[in-house]
């Protein structure tokens, strides 16, 4: 198995909602009242549902280790991936602010996106997939990054006059999670 064929898993995730009494799985299964959380993965923006260890409490927006090693402190095990429709209303409400927090904490990763983004088709650039970026801003970004790579979000805003890059990234991630999207630039 090559490196490319290996599955990639989230190491850390942010709590979108903590359900201390669990939730029913289906009408045919018996209800087990175990605390669960709905999470958003830090690296691939994977939506997950997990069982919380007995006695552990997680708060919204808290970062938790969800990796494969046994060193999980608060998470017992991952129940699986979920889709946007399966999120609770509280989790949906927290999603944008959690994505913004991830984007702020990983500024280099997303600044690199602005520096390295390429065309997805002959008529569309991946920068145009960000809400608020049309042809005008796309050309401004491409022109400025040719002169010198962007260093951070402030540098992007100052040199191109685009609105807040963090909010653009967060809106795009939410679109990719909540809608059927032909092109995915941030979500796996």
Foldseek 3Di string as FASTA:
>chain_A
DDPVPDDDDAFKWFFQDKDQQDDDPDPPDDDHGFIKTWTAGLAFRFTWIFTWPPPDDHDGRDMFTQDDDPPGDTTPHTPGTDAPVPDDPSSVVSQLVSLLVSCVVPFVVVLVCLLDWAAPDPVGTPVCLFPQDDPQLNVQSVVVSVVPRADGQVSSCVRRVGPRPSSSRSVSSCCVRHDPDPDDDRHD
